Each structure stands twice: as C-alpha cells, then as structure tokens.
Amino acid sequence: MDAVSQFFGWLFGTRPGVIALVAGGIVLFLIISVCLEVKTRKRFKNHEKKEGDWDLFDSDDESGWSEFEEDNK
C-alpha cells in the first residue's frame, strides 16, 4: 500500500510525474483518435461527394459567400 501512495505522490507531486501524466494523456487520446479515424474510413471508404454534401473546408469557387443576400452582391 505504501508503494501505491509513493507512486501517486510522485505522479501528482513532482514535475516529472506531472509531465508523464500529461504525455500519457496525449498518447492515449492520439491512439483513440487514430482508431476512430481508421474505423470511420473503413465504414465510408467509397463515399463520393454529392451535390448536397457539405465540407468544413469547402473548396467551392465562391469565395466570400455569406448567408445574408446583401453581402453576396
């Protein structure tokens, strides 16, 4: 029980412990994101962009498009 207490004291009480905690969290979330990305690409591998599809980084020729009609003139 004393070893567990010392480990948590090192993990949260020292600079190398906190750096290891942050680095471990970054690695954990990186692994999760890669797994989810691979899973999504397997599911939608043959998806072609259609007329109704939208993209966060839309590459249409209309630059400066706005939802307000007055701004689009």
C-alpha atoms as a PDB file:
ATOM      1  CA  MET A   1       0.000   0.000   0.000  1.00  0.00           C
ATOM      2  CA  ASP A   2       2.933   2.287   0.677  1.00  0.00           C
ATOM      3  CA  ALA A   3       4.227   1.798  -2.874  1.00  0.00           C
ATOM      4  CA  VAL A   4       0.909   2.983  -4.329  1.00  0.00           C
ATOM      5  CA  SER A   5       0.981   6.050  -2.104  1.00  0.00           C
ATOM      6  CA  GLN A   6       4.543   6.833  -3.186  1.00  0.00           C
ATOM      7  CA  PHE A   7       3.628   6.401  -6.841  1.00  0.00           C
ATOM      8  CA  PHE A   8       0.701   8.821  -6.615  1.00  0.00           C
ATOM      9  CA  GLY A   9       2.862  11.229  -4.633  1.00  0.00           C
ATOM     10  CA  TRP A  10       5.433  11.137  -7.430  1.00  0.00           C
ATOM     11  CA  LEU A  11       2.792  11.334 -10.174  1.00  0.00           C
ATOM     12  CA  PHE A  12       0.989  14.405  -8.833  1.00  0.00           C
ATOM     13  CA  GLY A  13       3.656  15.984  -6.635  1.00  0.00           C
ATOM     14  CA  THR A  14       6.729  16.221  -8.848  1.00  0.00           C
ATOM     15  CA  ARG A  15       7.417  17.928 -12.149  1.00  0.00           C
ATOM     16  CA  PRO A  16       8.495  14.711 -13.978  1.00  0.00           C
ATOM     17  CA  GLY A  17       5.375  12.962 -12.681  1.00  0.00           C
ATOM     18  CA  VAL A  18       3.056  15.664 -13.988  1.00  0.00           C
ATOM     19  CA  ILE A  19       4.894  15.699 -17.336  1.00  0.00           C
ATOM     20  CA  ALA A  20       4.473  11.917 -17.532  1.00  0.00           C
ATOM     21  CA  LEU A  21       0.773  12.303 -16.724  1.00  0.00           C
ATOM     22  CA  VAL A  22       0.245  14.913 -19.454  1.00  0.00           C
ATOM     23  CA  ALA A  23       2.311  12.986 -22.015  1.00  0.00           C
ATOM     24  CA  GLY A  24       0.407   9.799 -21.205  1.00  0.00           C
ATOM     25  CA  GLY A  25      -2.894  11.605 -21.728  1.00  0.00           C
ATOM     26  CA  ILE A  26      -1.749  12.952 -25.086  1.00  0.00           C
ATOM     27  CA  VAL A  27      -0.637   9.495 -26.219  1.00  0.00           C
ATOM     28  CA  LEU A  28      -3.909   7.936 -25.007  1.00  0.00           C
ATOM     29  CA  PHE A  29      -6.069  10.414 -26.927  1.00  0.00           C
ATOM     30  CA  LEU A  30      -3.848  10.085 -30.001  1.00  0.00           C
ATOM     31  CA  ILE A  31      -4.370   6.321 -30.015  1.00  0.00           C
ATOM     32  CA  ILE A  32      -8.130   6.752 -29.564  1.00  0.00           C
ATOM     33  CA  SER A  33      -8.365   9.287 -32.398  1.00  0.00           C
ATOM     34  CA  VAL A  34      -6.355   7.109 -34.799  1.00  0.00           C
ATOM     35  CA  CYS A  35      -8.542   4.083 -34.038  1.00  0.00           C
ATOM     36  CA  LEU A  36     -11.729   6.073 -34.601  1.00  0.00           C
ATOM     37  CA  GLU A  37     -10.381   7.593 -37.828  1.00  0.00           C
ATOM     38  CA  VAL A  38      -9.476   4.150 -39.209  1.00  0.00           C
ATOM     39  CA  LYS A  39     -12.899   2.832 -38.244  1.00  0.00           C
ATOM     40  CA  THR A  40     -14.640   5.763 -39.957  1.00  0.00           C
ATOM     41  CA  ARG A  41     -12.577   5.421 -43.142  1.00  0.00           C
ATOM     42  CA  LYS A  42     -13.422   1.712 -43.319  1.00  0.00           C
ATOM     43  CA  ARG A  43     -17.110   2.488 -42.990  1.00  0.00           C
ATOM     44  CA  PHE A  44     -17.185   5.283 -45.582  1.00  0.00           C
ATOM     45  CA  LYS A  45     -14.431   4.127 -47.949  1.00  0.00           C
ATOM     46  CA  ASN A  46     -16.399   4.594 -51.189  1.00  0.00           C
ATOM     47  CA  HIS A  47     -18.138   7.835 -50.278  1.00  0.00           C
ATOM     48  CA  GLU A  48     -18.110  10.299 -53.149  1.00  0.00           C
ATOM     49  CA  LYS A  49     -19.034  13.937 -52.659  1.00  0.00           C
ATOM     50  CA  LYS A  50     -22.518  14.693 -53.972  1.00  0.00           C
ATOM     51  CA  GLU A  51     -24.356  17.958 -54.576  1.00  0.00           C
ATOM     52  CA  GLY A  52     -25.984  18.048 -51.122  1.00  0.00           C
ATOM     53  CA  ASP A  53     -22.815  17.231 -49.178  1.00  0.00           C
ATOM     54  CA  TRP A  54     -21.046  19.984 -47.278  1.00  0.00           C
ATOM     55  CA  ASP A  55     -17.474  20.228 -46.113  1.00  0.00           C
ATOM     56  CA  LEU A  56     -15.995  22.142 -43.230  1.00  0.00           C
ATOM     57  CA  PHE A  57     -13.235  23.393 -45.522  1.00  0.00           C
ATOM     58  CA  ASP A  58     -15.443  23.952 -48.546  1.00  0.00           C
ATOM     59  CA  SER A  59     -13.415  24.313 -51.732  1.00  0.00           C
ATOM     60  CA  ASP A  60     -16.114  25.835 -53.957  1.00  0.00           C
ATOM     61  CA  ASP A  61     -15.279  28.634 -56.351  1.00  0.00           C
ATOM     62  CA  GLU A  62     -17.478  31.086 -54.420  1.00  0.00           C
ATOM     63  CA  SER A  63     -15.089  32.891 -52.123  1.00  0.00           C
ATOM     64  CA  GLY A  64     -16.588  35.215 -49.530  1.00  0.00           C
ATOM     65  CA  TRP A  65     -20.053  33.681 -49.691  1.00  0.00           C
ATOM     66  CA  SER A  66     -22.375  34.828 -46.925  1.00  0.00           C
ATOM     67  CA  GLU A  67     -25.813  33.681 -45.767  1.00  0.00           C
ATOM     68  CA  PHE A  68     -27.056  37.275 -45.997  1.00  0.00           C
ATOM     69  CA  GLU A  69     -28.156  38.151 -49.530  1.00  0.00           C
ATOM     70  CA  GLU A  70     -26.943  41.768 -49.305  1.00  0.00           C
ATOM     71  CA  ASP A  71     -23.371  40.632 -48.643  1.00  0.00           C
ATOM     72  CA  ASN A  72     -23.265  38.436 -51.755  1.00  0.00           C
ATOM     73  CA  LYS A  73     -23.755  41.280 -54.264  1.00  0.00           C
END
